[in-house]
PDB file of N, CA and C in Angstrom:
ATOM      1  N   UNK A   1      40.877 -93.556  -0.163  1.00  0.00           N
ATOM      2  CA  UNK A   1      39.511 -93.969   0.076  1.00  0.00           C
ATOM      3  C   UNK A   1      38.557 -92.780  -0.050  1.00  0.00           C
ATOM      4  N   UNK A   2      38.972 -91.602   0.386  1.00  0.00           N
ATOM      5  CA  UNK A   2      38.119 -90.424   0.312  1.00  0.00           C
ATOM      6  C   UNK A   2      37.788 -90.080  -1.138  1.00  0.00           C
ATOM      7  N   UNK A   3      38.762 -90.233  -2.066  1.00  0.00           N
ATOM      8  CA  UNK A   3      38.513 -89.948  -3.483  1.00  0.00           C
ATOM      9  C   UNK A   3      37.496 -90.916  -4.069  1.00  0.00           C
ATOM     10  N   UNK A   4      37.565 -92.173  -3.646  1.00  0.00           N
ATOM     11  CA  UNK A   4      36.594 -93.164  -4.124  1.00  0.00           C
ATOM     12  C   UNK A   4      35.196 -92.769  -3.668  1.00  0.00           C
ATOM     13  N   UNK A   5      35.073 -92.365  -2.413  1.00  0.00           N
ATOM     14  CA  UNK A   5      33.769 -91.952  -1.898  1.00  0.00           C
ATOM     15  C   UNK A   5      33.240 -90.742  -2.645  1.00  0.00           C
ATOM     16  N   UNK A   6      34.108 -89.793  -2.945  1.00  0.00           N
ATOM     17  CA  UNK A   6      33.656 -88.594  -3.653  1.00  0.00           C
ATOM     18  C   UNK A   6      33.118 -88.945  -5.036  1.00  0.00           C
ATOM     19  N   UNK A   7      33.762 -89.894  -5.723  1.00  0.00           N
ATOM     20  CA  UNK A   7      33.261 -90.263  -7.044  1.00  0.00           C
ATOM     21  C   UNK A   7      31.957 -91.043  -6.948  1.00  0.00           C
ATOM     22  N   UNK A   8      31.822 -91.870  -5.930  1.00  0.00           N
ATOM     23  CA  UNK A   8      30.590 -92.639  -5.770  1.00  0.00           C
ATOM     24  C   UNK A   8      29.423 -91.755  -5.365  1.00  0.00           C
ATOM     25  N   UNK A   9      29.718 -90.699  -4.613  1.00  0.00           N
ATOM     26  CA  UNK A   9      28.656 -89.888  -4.032  1.00  0.00           C
ATOM     27  C   UNK A   9      28.581 -88.488  -4.609  1.00  0.00           C
ATOM     28  N   UNK A  10      29.208 -88.235  -5.705  1.00  0.00           N
ATOM     29  CA  UNK A  10      29.329 -86.869  -6.221  1.00  0.00           C
ATOM     30  C   UNK A  10      28.046 -86.049  -6.139  1.00  0.00           C
ATOM     31  N   UNK A  11      26.920 -86.436  -6.728  1.00  0.00           N
ATOM     32  CA  UNK A  11      25.740 -85.578  -6.657  1.00  0.00           C
ATOM     33  C   UNK A  11      24.847 -85.861  -5.462  1.00  0.00           C
ATOM     34  N   UNK A  12      25.142 -86.897  -4.684  1.00  0.00           N
ATOM     35  CA  UNK A  12      24.227 -87.311  -3.618  1.00  0.00           C
ATOM     36  C   UNK A  12      24.746 -86.890  -2.260  1.00  0.00           C
ATOM     37  N   UNK A  13      23.900 -87.062  -1.268  1.00  0.00           N
ATOM     38  CA  UNK A  13      24.292 -86.834   0.119  1.00  0.00           C
ATOM     39  C   UNK A  13      24.616 -88.174   0.742  1.00  0.00           C
ATOM     40  N   UNK A  14      25.598 -88.209   1.581  1.00  0.00           N
ATOM     41  CA  UNK A  14      26.011 -89.460   2.193  1.00  0.00           C
ATOM     42  C   UNK A  14      24.947 -89.994   3.136  1.00  0.00           C
ATOM     43  N   UNK A  15      24.110 -89.122   3.664  1.00  0.00           N
ATOM     44  CA  UNK A  15      23.120 -89.566   4.628  1.00  0.00           C
ATOM     45  C   UNK A  15      21.775 -89.883   3.982  1.00  0.00           C
ATOM     46  N   UNK A  16      21.600 -89.690   2.692  1.00  0.00           N
ATOM     47  CA  UNK A  16      20.346 -90.080   2.057  1.00  0.00           C
ATOM     48  C   UNK A  16      20.551 -91.455   1.438  1.00  0.00           C
ATOM     49  N   UNK A  17      20.163 -92.495   2.149  1.00  0.00           N
ATOM     50  CA  UNK A  17      20.482 -93.870   1.772  1.00  0.00           C
ATOM     51  C   UNK A  17      19.770 -94.326   0.509  1.00  0.00           C
ATOM     52  N   UNK A  18      18.750 -93.622   0.046  1.00  0.00           N
ATOM     53  CA  UNK A  18      18.009 -94.060  -1.138  1.00  0.00           C
ATOM     54  C   UNK A  18      18.860 -93.959  -2.398  1.00  0.00           C
ATOM     55  N   UNK A  19      19.794 -93.012  -2.464  1.00  0.00           N
ATOM     56  CA  UNK A  19      20.555 -92.802  -3.683  1.00  0.00           C
ATOM     57  C   UNK A  19      22.033 -93.111  -3.531  1.00  0.00           C
ATOM     58  N   UNK A  20      22.443 -93.671  -2.416  1.00  0.00           N
ATOM     59  CA  UNK A  20      23.859 -93.940  -2.173  1.00  0.00           C
ATOM     60  C   UNK A  20      24.253 -95.273  -2.799  1.00  0.00           C
ATOM     61  N   UNK A  21      25.402 -95.278  -3.426  1.00  0.00           N
ATOM     62  CA  UNK A  21      25.940 -96.485  -4.045  1.00  0.00           C
ATOM     63  C   UNK A  21      26.144 -97.557  -2.974  1.00  0.00           C
ATOM     64  N   UNK A  22      25.878 -98.846  -3.276  1.00  0.00           N
ATOM     65  CA  UNK A  22      26.013 -99.919  -2.274  1.00  0.00           C
ATOM     66  C   UNK A  22      27.405-100.021  -1.666  1.00  0.00           C
ATOM     67  N   UNK A  23      28.439 -99.792  -2.458  1.00  0.00           N
ATOM     68  CA  UNK A  23      29.806 -99.849  -1.917  1.00  0.00           C
ATOM     69  C   UNK A  23      30.003 -98.730  -0.900  1.00  0.00           C
ATOM     70  N   UNK A  24      29.474 -97.551  -1.198  1.00  0.00           N
ATOM     71  CA  UNK A  24      29.602 -96.429  -0.275  1.00  0.00           C
ATOM     72  C   UNK A  24      28.855 -96.709   1.021  1.00  0.00           C
ATOM     73  N   UNK A  25      27.687 -97.374   0.939  1.00  0.00           N
ATOM     74  CA  UNK A  25      26.951 -97.738   2.161  1.00  0.00           C
ATOM     75  C   UNK A  25      27.796 -98.637   3.046  1.00  0.00           C
ATOM     76  N   UNK A  26      28.460 -99.624   2.426  1.00  0.00           N
ATOM     77  CA  UNK A  26      29.279-100.553   3.199  1.00  0.00           C
ATOM     78  C   UNK A  26      30.452 -99.817   3.842  1.00  0.00           C
ATOM     79  N   UNK A  27      31.093 -98.930   3.099  1.00  0.00           N
ATOM     80  CA  UNK A  27      32.213 -98.151   3.650  1.00  0.00           C
ATOM     81  C   UNK A  27      31.718 -97.281   4.791  1.00  0.00           C
ATOM     82  N   UNK A  28      30.519 -96.695   4.642  1.00  0.00           N
ATOM     83  CA  UNK A  28      29.975 -95.841   5.698  1.00  0.00           C
ATOM     84  C   UNK A  28      29.736 -96.649   6.967  1.00  0.00           C
ATOM     85  N   UNK A  29      29.164 -97.856   6.841  1.00  0.00           N
ATOM     86  CA  UNK A  29      28.913 -98.672   8.033  1.00  0.00           C
ATOM     87  C   UNK A  29      30.215 -99.063   8.717  1.00  0.00           C
ATOM     88  N   UNK A  30      31.244 -99.350   7.936  1.00  0.00           N
ATOM     89  CA  UNK A  30      32.514 -99.769   8.515  1.00  0.00           C
ATOM     90  C   UNK A  30      33.274 -98.601   9.142  1.00  0.00           C
ATOM     91  N   UNK A  31      33.268 -97.437   8.504  1.00  0.00           N
ATOM     92  CA  UNK A  31      34.079 -96.332   8.992  1.00  0.00           C
ATOM     93  C   UNK A  31      33.317 -95.374   9.885  1.00  0.00           C
ATOM     94  N   UNK A  32      31.982 -95.387   9.841  1.00  0.00           N
ATOM     95  CA  UNK A  32      31.129 -94.535  10.658  1.00  0.00           C
ATOM     96  C   UNK A  32      31.355 -93.049  10.410  1.00  0.00           C
ATOM     97  N   UNK A  33      31.860 -92.683   9.233  1.00  0.00           N
ATOM     98  CA  UNK A  33      32.021 -91.266   8.921  1.00  0.00           C
ATOM     99  C   UNK A  33      30.847 -90.812   8.057  1.00  0.00           C
ATOM    100  N   UNK A  34      30.551 -89.539   8.116  1.00  0.00           N
ATOM    101  CA  UNK A  34      29.465 -88.972   7.332  1.00  0.00           C
ATOM    102  C   UNK A  34      30.046 -87.849   6.485  1.00  0.00           C
ATOM    103  N   UNK A  35      29.766 -87.931   5.189  1.00  0.00           N
ATOM    104  CA  UNK A  35      30.265 -86.933   4.254  1.00  0.00           C
ATOM    105  C   UNK A  35      29.128 -85.962   3.935  1.00  0.00           C
ATOM    106  N   UNK A  36      29.417 -84.691   3.987  1.00  0.00           N
ATOM    107  CA  UNK A  36      28.435 -83.654   3.672  1.00  0.00           C
ATOM    108  C   UNK A  36      28.260 -83.550   2.163  1.00  0.00           C
ATOM    109  N   UNK A  37      27.228 -82.825   1.734  1.00  0.00           N
ATOM    110  CA  UNK A  37      26.987 -82.650   0.299  1.00  0.00           C
ATOM    111  C   UNK A  37      28.116 -81.895  -0.390  1.00  0.00           C
ATOM    112  N   UNK A  38      28.902 -81.126   0.363  1.00  0.00           N
ATOM    113  CA  UNK A  38      30.021 -80.400  -0.246  1.00  0.00           C
ATOM    114  C   UNK A  38      31.274 -81.267  -0.366  1.00  0.00           C
ATOM    115  N   UNK A  39      31.227 -82.503   0.145  1.00  0.00           N
ATOM    116  CA  UNK A  39      32.347 -83.426   0.022  1.00  0.00           C
ATOM    117  C   UNK A  39      33.262 -83.494   1.224  1.00  0.00           C
ATOM    118  N   UNK A  40      33.016 -82.667   2.237  1.00  0.00           N
ATOM    119  CA  UNK A  40      33.854 -82.672   3.440  1.00  0.00           C
ATOM    120  C   UNK A  40      33.310 -83.675   4.460  1.00  0.00           C
ATOM    121  N   UNK A  41      34.197 -84.218   5.278  1.00  0.00           N
ATOM    122  CA  UNK A  41      33.780 -85.092   6.367  1.00  0.00           C
ATOM    123  C   UNK A  41      33.214 -84.231   7.503  1.00  0.00           C
ATOM    124  N   UNK A  42      32.091 -84.636   8.062  1.00  0.00           N
ATOM    125  CA  UNK A  42      31.477 -83.866   9.143  1.00  0.00           C
ATOM    126  C   UNK A  42      32.103 -84.243  10.480  1.00  0.00           C
ATOM    127  N   UNK A  43      31.941 -83.366  11.457  1.00  0.00           N
ATOM    128  CA  UNK A  43      32.398 -83.638  12.813  1.00  0.00           C
ATOM    129  C   UNK A  43      31.191 -83.801  13.715  1.00  0.00           C
ATOM    130  N   UNK A  44      31.301 -84.708  14.678  1.00  0.00           N
ATOM    131  CA  UNK A  44      30.226 -84.912  15.638  1.00  0.00           C
ATOM    132  C   UNK A  44      30.515 -84.044  16.857  1.00  0.00           C
ATOM    133  N   UNK A  45      29.566 -83.168  17.186  1.00  0.00           N
ATOM    134  CA  UNK A  45      29.709 -82.250  18.307  1.00  0.00           C
ATOM    135  C   UNK A  45      28.555 -82.463  19.281  1.00  0.00           C
ATOM    136  N   UNK A  46      28.681 -81.904  20.473  1.00  0.00           N
ATOM    137  CA  UNK A  46      27.631 -81.997  21.479  1.00  0.00           C
ATOM    138  C   UNK A  46      27.177 -80.601  21.851  1.00  0.00           C
ATOM    139  N   UNK A  47      25.867 -80.397  21.841  1.00  0.00           N
ATOM    140  CA  UNK A  47      25.282 -79.112  22.205  1.00  0.00           C
ATOM    141  C   UNK A  47      25.096 -79.051  23.724  1.00  0.00           C
ATOM    142  N   UNK A  48      25.440 -77.921  24.325  1.00  0.00           N
ATOM    143  CA  UNK A  48      25.209 -77.733  25.771  1.00  0.00           C
ATOM    144  C   UNK A  48      24.346 -76.505  26.015  1.00  0.00           C
ATOM    145  N   UNK A  49      23.488 -76.167  25.072  1.00  0.00           N
ATOM    146  CA  UNK A  49      22.559 -75.061  25.265  1.00  0.00           C
ATOM    147  C   UNK A  49      21.391 -75.536  26.130  1.00  0.00           C
ATOM    148  N   UNK A  50      20.610 -74.598  26.676  1.00  0.00           N
ATOM    149  CA  UNK A  50      19.456 -74.973  27.495  1.00  0.00           C
ATOM    150  C   UNK A  50      18.377 -75.683  26.665  1.00  0.00           C
ATOM    151  N   UNK A  51      18.275 -75.363  25.386  1.00  0.00           N
ATOM    152  CA  UNK A  51      17.263 -76.009  24.536  1.00  0.00           C
ATOM    153  C   UNK A  51      17.651 -77.426  24.127  1.00  0.00           C
ATOM    154  N   UNK A  52      18.936 -77.720  23.987  1.00  0.00           N
ATOM    155  CA  UNK A  52      19.410 -79.027  23.522  1.00  0.00           C
ATOM    156  C   UNK A  52      20.603 -79.513  24.341  1.00  0.00           C
ATOM    157  N   UNK A  53      20.454 -79.679  25.648  1.00  0.00           N
ATOM    158  CA  UNK A  53      21.608 -80.087  26.461  1.00  0.00           C
ATOM    159  C   UNK A  53      21.992 -81.531  26.202  1.00  0.00           C
ATOM    160  N   UNK A  54      23.247 -81.747  25.860  1.00  0.00           N
ATOM    161  CA  UNK A  54      23.758 -83.100  25.680  1.00  0.00           C
ATOM    162  C   UNK A  54      23.405 -83.759  24.359  1.00  0.00           C
ATOM    163  N   UNK A  55      22.719 -83.078  23.466  1.00  0.00           N
ATOM    164  CA  UNK A  55      22.376 -83.671  22.167  1.00  0.00           C
ATOM    165  C   UNK A  55      23.561 -83.583  21.222  1.00  0.00           C
ATOM    166  N   UNK A  56      23.794 -84.671  20.503  1.00  0.00           N
ATOM    167  CA  UNK A  56      24.884 -84.698  19.542  1.00  0.00           C
ATOM    168  C   UNK A  56      24.365 -84.336  18.155  1.00  0.00           C
ATOM    169  N   UNK A  57      25.230 -83.654  17.385  1.00  0.00           N
ATOM    170  CA  UNK A  57      24.870 -83.280  16.027  1.00  0.00           C
ATOM    171  C   UNK A  57      26.096 -83.338  15.133  1.00  0.00           C
ATOM    172  N   UNK A  58      25.846 -83.478  13.837  1.00  0.00           N
ATOM    173  CA  UNK A  58      26.906 -83.473  12.840  1.00  0.00           C
ATOM    174  C   UNK A  58      27.011 -82.069  12.273  1.00  0.00           C
ATOM    175  N   UNK A  59      28.233 -81.614  12.044  1.00  0.00           N
ATOM    176  CA  UNK A  59      28.447 -80.258  11.560  1.00  0.00           C
ATOM    177  C   UNK A  59      29.546 -80.261  10.503  1.00  0.00           C
ATOM    178  N   UNK A  60      29.315 -79.536   9.416  1.00  0.00           N
ATOM    179  CA  UNK A  60      30.335 -79.350   8.382  1.00  0.00           C
ATOM    180  C   UNK A  60      30.905 -77.944   8.546  1.00  0.00           C
ATOM    181  N   UNK A  61      32.205 -77.849   8.690  1.00  0.00           N
ATOM    182  CA  UNK A  61      32.829 -76.545   8.896  1.00  0.00           C
ATOM    183  C   UNK A  61      32.885 -75.720   7.615  1.00  0.00           C
ATOM    184  N   UNK A  62      32.771 -76.362   6.460  1.00  0.00           N
ATOM    185  CA  UNK A  62      32.850 -75.620   5.199  1.00  0.00           C
ATOM    186  C   UNK A  62      31.514 -74.970   4.830  1.00  0.00           C
ATOM    187  N   UNK A  63      30.427 -75.754   4.793  1.00  0.00           N
ATOM    188  CA  UNK A  63      29.158 -75.197   4.298  1.00  0.00           C
ATOM    189  C   UNK A  63      28.140 -74.922   5.399  1.00  0.00           C
ATOM    190  N   UNK A  64      28.439 -75.305   6.644  1.00  0.00           N
ATOM    191  CA  UNK A  64      27.528 -75.020   7.742  1.00  0.00           C
ATOM    192  C   UNK A  64      26.418 -76.047   7.924  1.00  0.00           C
ATOM    193  N   UNK A  65      26.517 -77.191   7.263  1.00  0.00           N
ATOM    194  CA  UNK A  65      25.527 -78.258   7.380  1.00  0.00           C
ATOM    195  C   UNK A  65      25.412 -78.704   8.834  1.00  0.00           C
ATOM    196  N   UNK A  66      24.175 -78.870   9.323  1.00  0.00           N
ATOM    197  CA  UNK A  66      23.925 -79.350  10.684  1.00  0.00           C
ATOM    198  C   UNK A  66      22.833 -80.409  10.624  1.00  0.00           C
ATOM    199  N   UNK A  67      23.057 -81.522  11.322  1.00  0.00           N
ATOM    200  CA  UNK A  67      22.055 -82.590  11.391  1.00  0.00           C
ATOM    201  C   UNK A  67      22.150 -83.236  12.765  1.00  0.00           C
ATOM    202  N   UNK A  68      21.003 -83.342  13.454  1.00  0.00           N
ATOM    203  CA  UNK A  68      20.974 -83.970  14.770  1.00  0.00           C
ATOM    204  C   UNK A  68      21.219 -85.464  14.627  1.00  0.00           C
ATOM    205  N   UNK A  69      21.988 -86.033  15.559  1.00  0.00           N
ATOM    206  CA  UNK A  69      22.271 -87.466  15.563  1.00  0.00           C
ATOM    207  C   UNK A  69      21.219 -88.199  16.385  1.00  0.00           C
ATOM    208  N   UNK A  70      20.852 -87.648  17.530  1.00  0.00           N
ATOM    209  CA  UNK A  70      19.882 -88.303  18.402  1.00  0.00           C
ATOM    210  C   UNK A  70      18.542 -87.567  18.365  1.00  0.00           C
ATOM    211  N   UNK A  71      17.482 -88.234  18.813  1.00  0.00           N
ATOM    212  CA  UNK A  71      16.143 -87.627  18.747  1.00  0.00           C
ATOM    213  C   UNK A  71      15.995 -86.460  19.723  1.00  0.00           C
ATOM    214  N   UNK A  72      14.986 -85.602  19.510  1.00  0.00           N
ATOM    215  CA  UNK A  72      14.770 -84.485  20.437  1.00  0.00           C
ATOM    216  C   UNK A  72      14.420 -84.983  21.831  1.00  0.00           C
ATOM    217  N   UNK A  73      14.712 -84.169  22.822  1.00  0.00           N
ATOM    218  CA  UNK A  73      14.440 -84.545  24.205  1.00  0.00           C
ATOM    219  C   UNK A  73      13.007 -84.200  24.579  1.00  0.00           C
ATOM    220  N   UNK A  74      12.498 -84.933  25.562  1.00  0.00           N
ATOM    221  CA  UNK A  74      11.146 -84.643  26.036  1.00  0.00           C
ATOM    222  C   UNK A  74      11.179 -83.408  26.943  1.00  0.00           C
ATOM    223  N   UNK A  75      10.011 -82.882  27.267  1.00  0.00           N
ATOM    224  CA  UNK A  75       9.912 -81.653  28.066  1.00  0.00           C
ATOM    225  C   UNK A  75      10.542 -81.830  29.445  1.00  0.00           C
ATOM    226  N   UNK A  76      10.377 -82.994  30.037  1.00  0.00           N
ATOM    227  CA  UNK A  76      10.937 -83.244  31.376  1.00  0.00           C
ATOM    228  C   UNK A  76      12.466 -83.168  31.348  1.00  0.00           C
ATOM    229  N   UNK A  77      13.081 -83.759  30.349  1.00  0.00           N
ATOM    230  CA  UNK A  77      14.541 -83.700  30.231  1.00  0.00           C
ATOM    231  C   UNK A  77      15.015 -82.261  30.066  1.00  0.00           C
ATOM    232  N   UNK A  78      14.265 -81.484  29.289  1.00  0.00           N
ATOM    233  CA  UNK A  78      14.648 -80.088  29.072  1.00  0.00           C
ATOM    234  C   UNK A  78      14.535 -79.261  30.348  1.00  0.00           C
ATOM    235  N   UNK A  79      13.699 -79.698  31.290  1.00  0.00           N
ATOM    236  CA  UNK A  79      13.589 -78.994  32.572  1.00  0.00           C
ATOM    237  C   UNK A  79      14.684 -79.432  33.535  1.00  0.00           C
ATOM    238  N   UNK A  80      15.009 -80.718  33.551  1.00  0.00           N
ATOM    239  CA  UNK A  80      15.906 -81.271  34.568  1.00  0.00           C
ATOM    240  C   UNK A  80      17.379 -81.061  34.227  1.00  0.00           C
ATOM    241  N   UNK A  81      17.793 -81.349  33.004  1.00  0.00           N
ATOM    242  CA  UNK A  81      19.217 -81.360  32.658  1.00  0.00           C
ATOM    243  C   UNK A  81      19.901 -80.007  32.851  1.00  0.00           C
ATOM    244  N   UNK A  82      19.345 -78.882  32.389  1.00  0.00           N
ATOM    245  CA  UNK A  82      20.048 -77.605  32.634  1.00  0.00           C
ATOM    246  C   UNK A  82      20.247 -77.306  34.122  1.00  0.00           C
ATOM    247  N   UNK A  83      19.271 -77.665  34.960  1.00  0.00           N
ATOM    248  CA  UNK A  83      19.426 -77.473  36.404  1.00  0.00           C
ATOM    249  C   UNK A  83      20.551 -78.325  36.972  1.00  0.00           C
ATOM    250  N   UNK A  84      20.650 -79.568  36.497  1.00  0.00           N
ATOM    251  CA  UNK A  84      21.737 -80.447  36.943  1.00  0.00           C
ATOM    252  C   UNK A  84      23.098 -79.909  36.517  1.00  0.00           C
ATOM    253  N   UNK A  85      23.172 -79.382  35.309  1.00  0.00           N
ATOM    254  CA  UNK A  85      24.441 -78.820  34.832  1.00  0.00           C
ATOM    255  C   UNK A  85      24.839 -77.609  35.664  1.00  0.00           C
ATOM    256  N   UNK A  86      23.872 -76.726  35.979  1.00  0.00           N
ATOM    257  CA  UNK A  86      24.180 -75.558  36.822  1.00  0.00           C
ATOM    258  C   UNK A  86      24.635 -76.001  38.215  1.00  0.00           C
ATOM    259  N   UNK A  87      23.973 -77.008  38.792  1.00  0.00           N
ATOM    260  CA  UNK A  87      24.370 -77.521  40.112  1.00  0.00           C
ATOM    261  C   UNK A  87      25.785 -78.082  40.073  1.00  0.00           C
ATOM    262  N   UNK A  88      26.096 -78.832  39.010  1.00  0.00           N
ATOM    263  CA  UNK A  88      27.426 -79.405  38.877  1.00  0.00           C
ATOM    264  C   UNK A  88      28.477 -78.304  38.768  1.00  0.00           C
ATOM    265  N   UNK A  89      28.177 -77.249  38.006  1.00  0.00           N
ATOM    266  CA  UNK A  89      29.132 -76.137  37.869  1.00  0.00           C
ATOM    267  C   UNK A  89      29.363 -75.434  39.199  1.00  0.00           C
ATOM    268  N   UNK A  90      28.285 -75.231  39.990  1.00  0.00           N
ATOM    269  CA  UNK A  90      28.440 -74.603  41.312  1.00  0.00           C
ATOM    270  C   UNK A  90      29.295 -75.474  42.229  1.00  0.00           C
ATOM    271  N   UNK A  91      29.067 -76.790  42.201  1.00  0.00           N
ATOM    272  CA  UNK A  91      29.864 -77.689  43.040  1.00  0.00           C
ATOM    273  C   UNK A  91      31.333 -77.684  42.623  1.00  0.00           C
ATOM    274  N   UNK A  92      31.598 -77.641  41.319  1.00  0.00           N
ATOM    275  CA  UNK A  92      32.984 -77.590  40.861  1.00  0.00           C
ATOM    276  C   UNK A  92      33.663 -76.298  41.303  1.00  0.00           C
ATOM    277  N   UNK A  93      32.940 -75.191  41.307  1.00  0.00           N
ATOM    278  CA  UNK A  93      33.500 -73.926  41.791  1.00  0.00           C
ATOM    279  C   UNK A  93      33.816 -74.027  43.277  1.00  0.00           C
ATOM    280  N   UNK A  94      32.924 -74.655  44.043  1.00  0.00           N
ATOM    281  CA  UNK A  94      33.172 -74.811  45.480  1.00  0.00           C
ATOM    282  C   UNK A  94      34.384 -75.695  45.743  1.00  0.00           C
ATOM    283  N   UNK A  95      34.599 -76.711  44.924  1.00  0.00           N
ATOM    284  CA  UNK A  95      35.774 -77.578  45.080  1.00  0.00           C
ATOM    285  C   UNK A  95      37.053 -76.784  44.832  1.00  0.00           C
ATOM    286  N   UNK A  96      37.043 -75.918  43.818  1.00  0.00           N
ATOM    287  CA  UNK A  96      38.223 -75.100  43.525  1.00  0.00           C
ATOM    288  C   UNK A  96      38.522 -74.172  44.700  1.00  0.00           C
ATOM    289  N   UNK A  97      37.486 -73.542  45.241  1.00  0.00           N
ATOM    290  CA  UNK A  97      37.672 -72.632  46.386  1.00  0.00           C
ATOM    291  C   UNK A  97      38.167 -73.400  47.604  1.00  0.00           C
ATOM    292  N   UNK A  98      37.586 -74.562  47.870  1.00  0.00           N
ATOM    293  CA  UNK A  98      38.003 -75.366  49.024  1.00  0.00           C
ATOM    294  C   UNK A  98      39.442 -75.849  48.863  1.00  0.00           C
ATOM    295  N   UNK A  99      39.844 -76.197  47.651  1.00  0.00           N
ATOM    296  CA  UNK A  99      41.224 -76.633  47.416  1.00  0.00           C
ATOM    297  C   UNK A  99      42.204 -75.501  47.671  1.00  0.00           C
ATOM    298  N   UNK A 100      41.843 -74.286  47.254  1.00  0.00           N
ATOM    299  CA  UNK A 100      42.715 -73.128  47.496  1.00  0.00           C
ATOM    300  C   UNK A 100      42.822 -72.835  48.991  1.00  0.00           C
ATOM    301  N   UNK A 101      41.692 -72.918  49.697  1.00  0.00           N
ATOM    302  CA  UNK A 101      41.720 -72.698  51.150  1.00  0.00           C
ATOM    303  C   UNK A 101      42.562 -73.757  51.839  1.00  0.00           C
ATOM    304  N   UNK A 102      42.435 -75.015  51.435  1.00  0.00           N
ATOM    305  CA  UNK A 102      43.231 -76.090  52.019  1.00  0.00           C
ATOM    306  C   UNK A 102      44.715 -75.835  51.804  1.00  0.00           C
ATOM    307  N   UNK A 103      45.067 -75.406  50.609  1.00  0.00           N
ATOM    308  CA  UNK A 103      46.465 -75.123  50.327  1.00  0.00           C
ATOM    309  C   UNK A 103      46.972 -73.996  51.215  1.00  0.00           C
ATOM    310  N   UNK A 104      46.146 -72.938  51.427  1.00  0.00           N
ATOM    311  CA  UNK A 104      46.547 -71.833  52.307  1.00  0.00           C
ATOM    312  C   UNK A 104      46.738 -72.316  53.741  1.00  0.00           C
ATOM    313  N   UNK A 105      45.833 -73.165  54.237  1.00  0.00           N
ATOM    314  CA  UNK A 105      45.958 -73.700  55.601  1.00  0.00           C
ATOM    315  C   UNK A 105      47.209 -74.565  55.732  1.00  0.00           C
ATOM    316  N   UNK A 106      47.495 -75.365  54.730  1.00  0.00           N
ATOM    317  CA  UNK A 106      48.697 -76.204  54.787  1.00  0.00           C
ATOM    318  C   UNK A 106      49.962 -75.357  54.775  1.00  0.00           C
ATOM    319  N   UNK A 107      49.933 -74.268  53.998  1.00  0.00           N
ATOM    320  CA  UNK A 107      51.073 -73.352  53.949  1.00  0.00           C
ATOM    321  C   UNK A 107      51.270 -72.666  55.297  1.00  0.00           C
ATOM    322  N   UNK A 108      50.163 -72.219  55.924  1.00  0.00           N
ATOM    323  CA  UNK A 108      50.293 -71.585  57.235  1.00  0.00           C
ATOM    324  C   UNK A 108      50.780 -72.580  58.276  1.00  0.00           C
ATOM    325  N   UNK A 109      50.313 -73.814  58.210  1.00  0.00           N
ATOM    326  CA  UNK A 109      50.755 -74.835  59.155  1.00  0.00           C
ATOM    327  C   UNK A 109      52.230 -75.136  58.967  1.00  0.00           C
ATOM    328  N   UNK A 110      52.700 -75.181  57.727  1.00  0.00           N
ATOM    329  CA  UNK A 110      54.078 -75.453  57.438  1.00  0.00           C
ATOM    330  C   UNK A 110      54.973 -74.310  57.933  1.00  0.00           C
ATOM    331  N   UNK A 111      54.502 -73.067  57.769  1.00  0.00           N
ATOM    332  CA  UNK A 111      55.301 -71.898  58.156  1.00  0.00           C
ATOM    333  C   UNK A 111      55.325 -71.670  59.661  1.00  0.00           C
ATOM    334  N   UNK A 112      54.368 -72.225  60.403  1.00  0.00           N
ATOM    335  CA  UNK A 112      54.341 -71.964  61.842  1.00  0.00           C
ATOM    336  C   UNK A 112      55.183 -72.912  62.655  1.00  0.00           C
TER     337      UNK A 112
END
């Protein structure tokens, strides 16, 4: 199937629907894969930077192609989400510390 797509889309981009062959459009809707201009299948990744927290993007490992999947976030989201992520990370660290302390207390109780 990949060879068929390459022949149908040879000079075009898979994401520019104006020039994509109708059969390729149907295959794209069914398989939900996106082919880069270099012919490789892209991977969907999630950004966790402060500027784009939680935004998904398509990336080609061969040519470096990047395309956002979802729209940009509003200013309020950009203020709130990084703070929530930092809070979640601090809480997870506290859980790890509390679990280690609990294990030490259980060990001391068992040994006494």
